[in-house]
N, C-alpha and C. Protein backbone atom coordinates (compact mmCIF):
# COMPACT_ATOMS: atom_id res chain seq x y z
N MET A 1 72.58 142.51 88.84
CA MET A 1 73.30 140.83 89.75
C MET A 1 72.22 139.83 89.54
N GLU A 2 72.58 138.77 89.03
CA GLU A 2 71.45 137.37 88.96
C GLU A 2 70.77 137.64 90.23
N ARG A 3 70.01 136.66 89.72
CA ARG A 3 69.30 136.47 91.07
C ARG A 3 70.29 134.94 92.06
N SER A 4 70.71 133.59 90.70
CA SER A 4 71.60 132.64 91.87
C SER A 4 72.93 133.25 91.43
N ASP A 5 73.14 133.45 91.35
CA ASP A 5 74.36 134.78 91.90
C ASP A 5 74.69 134.57 93.56
N THR A 6 73.64 136.23 93.48
CA THR A 6 73.34 136.89 95.03
C THR A 6 72.58 135.73 95.94
N LEU A 7 71.91 134.62 95.33
CA LEU A 7 72.18 133.56 96.79
C LEU A 7 73.61 132.50 96.45
N LEU A 8 74.53 132.46 96.26
CA LEU A 8 75.17 132.02 95.63
C LEU A 8 76.27 133.15 96.68
N ARG A 9 76.53 134.01 96.49
CA ARG A 9 77.31 134.91 97.16
C ARG A 9 76.69 135.22 98.12
N ARG A 10 75.39 135.13 99.00
CA ARG A 10 75.62 135.82 100.39
C ARG A 10 75.45 134.55 100.89
N SER A 11 75.81 133.25 100.45
CA SER A 11 75.77 131.22 100.88
C SER A 11 77.53 131.48 101.37
N LEU A 12 78.61 131.64 100.24
CA LEU A 12 79.67 132.11 100.47
C LEU A 12 79.90 133.07 101.56
N LEU A 13 79.19 134.05 101.47
CA LEU A 13 79.69 135.42 101.90
C LEU A 13 79.41 134.49 104.26
N VAL A 14 78.85 133.83 103.90
CA VAL A 14 78.13 134.26 105.40
C VAL A 14 79.01 132.85 105.57
N ASN A 15 78.80 132.16 105.37
CA ASN A 15 79.85 130.82 105.17
C ASN A 15 81.45 131.05 106.02
N GLY A 16 81.80 132.06 105.34
CA GLY A 16 82.97 132.65 105.33
C GLY A 16 83.54 133.00 106.34
N VAL A 17 81.99 134.48 107.34
CA VAL A 17 82.32 135.24 108.07
C VAL A 17 81.89 134.80 109.58
N PHE A 18 80.88 132.94 109.66
CA PHE A 18 80.52 131.89 110.55
C PHE A 18 82.07 131.36 110.71
N SER A 19 83.02 131.05 109.49
CA SER A 19 84.37 130.21 109.69
C SER A 19 85.23 130.82 110.18
N ILE A 20 85.28 131.96 110.35
CA ILE A 20 86.40 132.80 110.36
C ILE A 20 86.38 133.62 112.01
N SER A 21 84.62 133.30 112.09
CA SER A 21 83.91 133.47 113.50
C SER A 21 84.72 132.49 114.22
N THR A 22 83.68 131.13 114.15
CA THR A 22 84.25 130.20 114.60
C THR A 22 85.58 129.41 114.74
N GLY A 23 86.36 129.42 113.35
CA GLY A 23 87.81 129.88 114.51
C GLY A 23 88.62 130.15 114.88
N LEU A 24 87.91 131.27 114.48
CA LEU A 24 88.72 133.01 115.57
C LEU A 24 88.50 132.13 116.93
N ILE A 25 87.39 131.82 117.61
CA ILE A 25 87.52 131.22 119.12
C ILE A 25 87.93 129.90 119.31
N ALA A 26 87.27 128.71 118.78
CA ALA A 26 88.59 127.67 119.15
C ALA A 26 89.48 128.33 118.81
N PHE A 27 90.74 128.67 118.90
CA PHE A 27 91.31 128.64 118.89
C PHE A 27 91.98 129.96 119.88
N LEU A 28 91.48 131.45 119.31
CA LEU A 28 91.50 131.50 121.40
C LEU A 28 91.23 131.52 122.80
N PHE A 29 90.37 130.38 122.49
CA PHE A 29 89.28 130.02 124.16
C PHE A 29 89.46 128.69 123.79
N ALA A 30 90.52 127.66 123.00
CA ALA A 30 90.55 126.90 122.64
C ALA A 30 90.89 125.83 124.72
N ASP A 31 91.25 126.55 125.43
CA ASP A 31 91.27 125.86 126.41
C ASP A 31 90.84 125.79 127.23
N ALA A 32 88.97 126.53 127.20
CA ALA A 32 88.58 126.55 127.60
C ALA A 32 87.05 125.52 126.75
N ILE A 33 87.45 125.59 125.87
CA ILE A 33 86.80 124.94 125.06
C ILE A 33 87.03 122.93 125.10
N SER A 34 88.01 123.11 125.41
CA SER A 34 88.15 121.89 125.06
C SER A 34 87.25 120.96 127.25
N GLU A 35 88.04 122.10 127.97
CA GLU A 35 87.30 121.69 129.15
C GLU A 35 85.81 121.09 129.19
N PHE A 36 84.73 121.71 127.96
CA PHE A 36 83.83 121.82 127.89
C PHE A 36 83.03 120.48 127.17
N MET A 37 83.94 120.14 125.98
CA MET A 37 83.53 119.66 125.29
C MET A 37 84.95 117.96 125.19
N SER A 38 85.41 117.47 126.64
CA SER A 38 86.51 116.16 126.58
C SER A 38 87.79 116.49 125.43
N ILE A 39 88.11 117.71 124.73
CA ILE A 39 88.48 116.98 124.09
C ILE A 39 90.64 118.02 124.44
N GLU A 40 91.21 117.43 123.27
CA GLU A 40 92.19 118.24 123.60
C GLU A 40 92.45 120.17 123.21
N ALA A 41 93.25 120.65 123.95
CA ALA A 41 93.51 122.11 122.95
C ALA A 41 94.01 122.09 121.70
N LEU A 42 95.29 121.44 121.57
CA LEU A 42 96.36 121.52 120.48
C LEU A 42 95.30 120.28 119.04
N VAL A 43 93.41 119.75 119.97
CA VAL A 43 92.52 119.94 119.23
C VAL A 43 92.40 120.85 117.79
N LEU A 44 91.74 121.14 119.25
CA LEU A 44 90.64 122.70 119.27
C LEU A 44 91.15 123.69 118.19
N ARG A 45 93.13 123.74 119.00
CA ARG A 45 93.51 124.86 117.93
C ARG A 45 94.03 124.34 116.23
N PHE A 46 94.29 123.37 116.60
CA PHE A 46 94.72 122.89 114.75
C PHE A 46 92.75 122.97 114.28
N VAL A 47 92.60 122.07 115.10
CA VAL A 47 91.06 122.37 113.81
C VAL A 47 90.53 124.26 113.00
N GLY A 48 90.35 125.15 114.66
CA GLY A 48 90.48 126.55 114.44
C GLY A 48 90.83 127.09 113.67
N VAL A 49 93.09 126.82 113.39
CA VAL A 49 92.74 127.50 112.59
C VAL A 49 93.00 127.12 111.22
N ALA A 50 92.77 124.91 110.90
CA ALA A 50 92.02 125.17 109.30
C ALA A 50 90.42 126.05 109.56
N VAL A 51 89.89 125.61 110.30
CA VAL A 51 88.14 126.95 109.59
C VAL A 51 88.97 127.56 109.31
N LEU A 52 89.61 129.52 110.36
CA LEU A 52 90.57 130.22 109.73
C LEU A 52 90.22 130.35 108.39
N VAL A 53 91.69 129.64 108.46
CA VAL A 53 92.38 129.68 106.50
C VAL A 53 91.23 129.71 105.48
N PHE A 54 89.68 128.28 106.03
CA PHE A 54 89.53 128.14 104.86
C PHE A 54 88.29 129.29 104.80
N GLY A 55 87.78 129.97 106.40
CA GLY A 55 86.52 131.15 105.81
C GLY A 55 87.44 132.17 105.44
N LEU A 56 88.51 132.42 105.70
CA LEU A 56 89.93 133.70 104.68
C LEU A 56 89.16 134.06 103.76
N ALA A 57 90.03 132.06 102.88
CA ALA A 57 89.41 132.00 101.21
C ALA A 57 87.81 131.72 101.42
N VAL A 58 86.80 131.35 101.62
CA VAL A 58 85.29 131.83 100.99
C VAL A 58 85.04 132.95 101.38
N TYR A 59 85.41 134.09 102.65
CA TYR A 59 85.45 135.22 101.97
C TYR A 59 85.89 135.88 101.44
N TRP A 60 86.84 135.98 101.00
CA TRP A 60 87.93 136.31 99.70
C TRP A 60 87.15 136.04 98.57
N PHE A 61 86.37 135.24 98.06
CA PHE A 61 86.20 134.27 97.65
C PHE A 61 84.90 134.90 96.55
N SER A 62 83.79 135.33 98.24
CA SER A 62 82.60 136.06 97.68
C SER A 62 82.41 137.50 97.31
N ARG A 63 84.16 138.26 97.18
CA ARG A 63 84.04 139.65 97.33
C ARG A 63 83.79 140.19 95.90
N HIS A 64 84.55 138.42 94.81
CA HIS A 64 84.81 138.82 93.40
C HIS A 64 84.14 139.40 93.59
N GLU A 65 84.19 140.00 92.11
CA GLU A 65 82.97 140.46 90.83
C GLU A 65 82.66 139.55 90.25
N THR A 66 83.08 138.99 90.44
CA THR A 66 82.73 136.84 89.12
C THR A 66 83.28 135.98 90.36
N ILE A 67 81.35 134.95 91.01
CA ILE A 67 82.35 134.58 91.61
C ILE A 67 82.06 132.97 90.89
N GLU A 68 83.39 132.45 91.11
CA GLU A 68 84.05 131.62 90.45
C GLU A 68 83.39 130.17 91.04
N ARG A 69 83.63 129.65 89.79
CA ARG A 69 82.14 128.11 90.32
C ARG A 69 82.79 127.20 90.62
N GLY A 70 84.29 126.80 90.27
CA GLY A 70 84.48 125.69 90.49
C GLY A 70 84.83 125.46 92.27
N PHE A 71 85.09 127.45 92.78
CA PHE A 71 85.81 127.04 94.35
C PHE A 71 84.60 127.06 95.21
N ALA A 72 83.06 127.71 94.44
CA ALA A 72 82.29 127.83 95.44
C ALA A 72 81.97 126.20 95.59
N LEU A 73 81.77 125.73 94.09
CA LEU A 73 81.04 123.76 94.35
C LEU A 73 82.51 123.08 95.67
N PHE A 74 84.40 123.58 95.61
CA PHE A 74 84.75 122.76 96.30
C PHE A 74 84.34 123.21 97.71
N THR A 75 84.09 124.35 97.72
CA THR A 75 83.34 124.73 98.93
C THR A 75 81.78 124.15 100.10
N THR A 76 81.07 123.73 98.29
CA THR A 76 80.22 123.18 98.57
C THR A 76 80.67 121.68 99.05
N VAL A 77 81.40 120.93 98.23
CA VAL A 77 81.64 120.19 98.32
C VAL A 77 82.35 119.81 100.12
N ALA A 78 83.87 120.47 100.78
CA ALA A 78 84.40 120.53 101.73
C ALA A 78 83.38 120.86 102.84
N ASP A 79 82.06 122.05 103.30
CA ASP A 79 81.38 121.45 103.67
C ASP A 79 80.29 120.46 103.96
N LEU A 80 80.20 119.79 103.40
CA LEU A 80 79.59 118.47 102.98
C LEU A 80 80.49 117.35 103.92
N VAL A 81 81.65 117.92 103.42
CA VAL A 81 83.08 116.44 104.05
C VAL A 81 82.78 117.00 105.47
N TRP A 82 82.81 118.14 105.88
CA TRP A 82 82.15 118.11 107.24
C TRP A 82 81.12 118.04 108.48
N VAL A 83 79.78 117.82 107.57
CA VAL A 83 79.07 117.91 107.93
C VAL A 83 78.77 116.21 108.34
N VAL A 84 79.00 115.33 106.95
CA VAL A 84 79.18 113.55 107.23
C VAL A 84 80.28 113.08 108.31
N GLY A 85 81.26 113.69 108.16
CA GLY A 85 82.57 113.86 109.78
C GLY A 85 81.85 113.76 110.61
N SER A 86 80.88 114.88 111.18
CA SER A 86 80.30 115.62 112.27
C SER A 86 79.62 114.04 112.50
N VAL A 87 78.62 113.34 111.92
CA VAL A 87 77.51 112.80 111.63
C VAL A 87 78.56 111.62 112.12
N VAL A 88 79.81 111.41 111.40
CA VAL A 88 80.47 109.86 112.11
C VAL A 88 81.48 109.91 113.22
N LEU A 89 81.12 111.71 113.41
CA LEU A 89 82.03 111.66 114.75
C LEU A 89 81.08 111.19 115.91
N LEU A 90 79.10 111.66 115.93
CA LEU A 90 78.66 111.31 117.28
C LEU A 90 78.35 109.71 116.54
N VAL A 91 78.18 109.22 115.69
CA VAL A 91 77.59 108.03 115.37
C VAL A 91 77.93 107.24 116.39
N GLY A 92 79.92 107.35 115.54
CA GLY A 92 80.68 105.77 115.59
C GLY A 92 81.96 105.95 116.63
N PHE A 93 81.70 106.97 117.45
CA PHE A 93 82.25 108.02 118.39
C PHE A 93 81.36 108.22 119.39
N PRO A 94 80.75 108.16 120.02
CA PRO A 94 79.76 109.17 120.56
C PRO A 94 80.23 108.98 122.09
N ASP A 95 81.89 108.91 122.61
CA ASP A 95 82.14 108.67 123.55
C ASP A 95 83.45 109.59 123.73
N LEU A 96 84.00 109.74 122.98
CA LEU A 96 84.92 110.71 122.51
C LEU A 96 85.42 112.14 122.75
N VAL A 97 83.80 112.64 122.84
CA VAL A 97 83.65 114.18 123.25
C VAL A 97 82.89 113.63 124.72
N SER A 98 82.41 114.94 125.01
CA SER A 98 81.09 115.35 125.80
C SER A 98 80.14 115.52 125.71
N SER A 99 78.80 115.16 126.54
CA SER A 99 77.89 115.29 126.09
C SER A 99 76.92 116.57 125.42
N GLY A 100 78.12 117.55 126.24
CA GLY A 100 77.86 119.23 125.88
C GLY A 100 78.76 119.26 124.10
N GLY A 101 79.41 118.50 123.49
CA GLY A 101 80.61 119.14 123.42
C GLY A 101 79.49 118.07 122.20
N SER A 102 78.44 116.71 121.81
CA SER A 102 78.54 116.21 120.68
C SER A 102 77.07 117.54 120.70
N VAL A 103 76.90 118.15 121.56
CA VAL A 103 75.67 119.74 121.66
C VAL A 103 76.22 121.35 120.11
N LEU A 104 77.46 120.98 120.69
CA LEU A 104 77.73 122.09 119.56
C LEU A 104 77.83 121.11 118.23
N ILE A 105 78.59 119.74 117.97
CA ILE A 105 79.25 119.75 116.76
C ILE A 105 78.06 119.45 115.97
N ALA A 106 77.05 118.53 116.77
CA ALA A 106 75.91 119.06 115.71
C ALA A 106 75.54 120.19 115.49
N VAL A 107 75.29 121.83 115.95
CA VAL A 107 74.31 122.87 115.87
C VAL A 107 75.89 123.12 114.74
N VAL A 108 76.81 123.39 115.58
CA VAL A 108 77.95 123.38 114.29
C VAL A 108 77.23 123.11 112.17
N ALA A 109 77.57 121.47 113.04
CA ALA A 109 77.14 120.92 110.97
C ALA A 109 76.03 121.21 111.27
N LEU A 110 74.97 122.00 111.46
CA LEU A 110 73.20 121.92 111.46
C LEU A 110 73.62 124.10 110.25
N PHE A 111 74.10 124.96 110.59
CA PHE A 111 74.86 125.53 110.56
C PHE A 111 75.93 125.26 108.99
N VAL A 112 76.29 124.05 108.47
CA VAL A 112 76.92 123.77 107.68
C VAL A 112 76.83 123.75 106.28
N LEU A 113 75.56 122.22 107.24
CA LEU A 113 75.32 122.03 105.99
C LEU A 113 73.79 122.77 105.17
N GLY A 114 73.20 124.15 105.97
CA GLY A 114 72.38 124.71 105.79
C GLY A 114 72.98 125.80 104.96
N PHE A 115 74.46 126.03 104.92
CA PHE A 115 75.15 127.60 104.23
C PHE A 115 75.63 125.80 102.67
N ALA A 116 75.88 124.87 102.28
CA ALA A 116 76.37 123.70 101.83
C ALA A 116 75.44 124.08 100.69
N VAL A 117 74.15 124.38 100.90
CA VAL A 117 72.47 123.76 101.16
C VAL A 117 72.34 125.78 100.42
N GLY A 118 72.95 126.27 100.26
CA GLY A 118 72.41 127.24 100.07
C GLY A 118 73.31 127.31 98.86
N GLN A 119 74.29 127.32 99.16
CA GLN A 119 75.52 127.11 97.97
C GLN A 119 75.04 126.86 96.58
N TRP A 120 74.62 125.64 97.27
CA TRP A 120 73.79 124.26 96.41
C TRP A 120 73.14 124.46 95.16
N ALA A 121 71.81 125.19 96.16
CA ALA A 121 70.61 125.89 95.03
C ALA A 121 71.65 127.67 93.95
N GLY A 122 72.44 127.62 94.85
CA GLY A 122 72.47 128.60 93.95
C GLY A 122 73.89 128.69 92.84
N LEU A 123 74.59 127.33 92.79
CA LEU A 123 74.95 126.94 92.27
C LEU A 123 74.32 126.27 90.89
N ARG A 124 72.74 126.23 91.31
CA ARG A 124 72.06 124.76 90.39
C ARG A 124 71.62 126.06 89.22
N ARG A 125 71.36 127.35 90.02
CA ARG A 125 69.89 128.23 89.66
C ARG A 125 70.41 128.99 88.28
């Protein structure tokens, strides 16, 4: 296995596991999280399902013998869109979520940015 393939594969794999985990948490604990973040539980459940499906796809593709570059690029762009969307939400609509919710969104966005950087570096090698 080449070094670049290893970095890309590991970045995608961790991204998939993180996305599956956070998607499940958002879906299963939407009521408690919605109180903490001051947003509707239905929104969290919807986001949770979407992130869960994304995570399952990323995990599945990361386990293939050959990583599909197109899917890896799509995943990286999707991650960057998530980060940009998080920044727009936090900067453009600061009163939409609680301060604790803002911190949670920022922390998740930092993780997602890390995945995007790792995937991009793996694609570039």
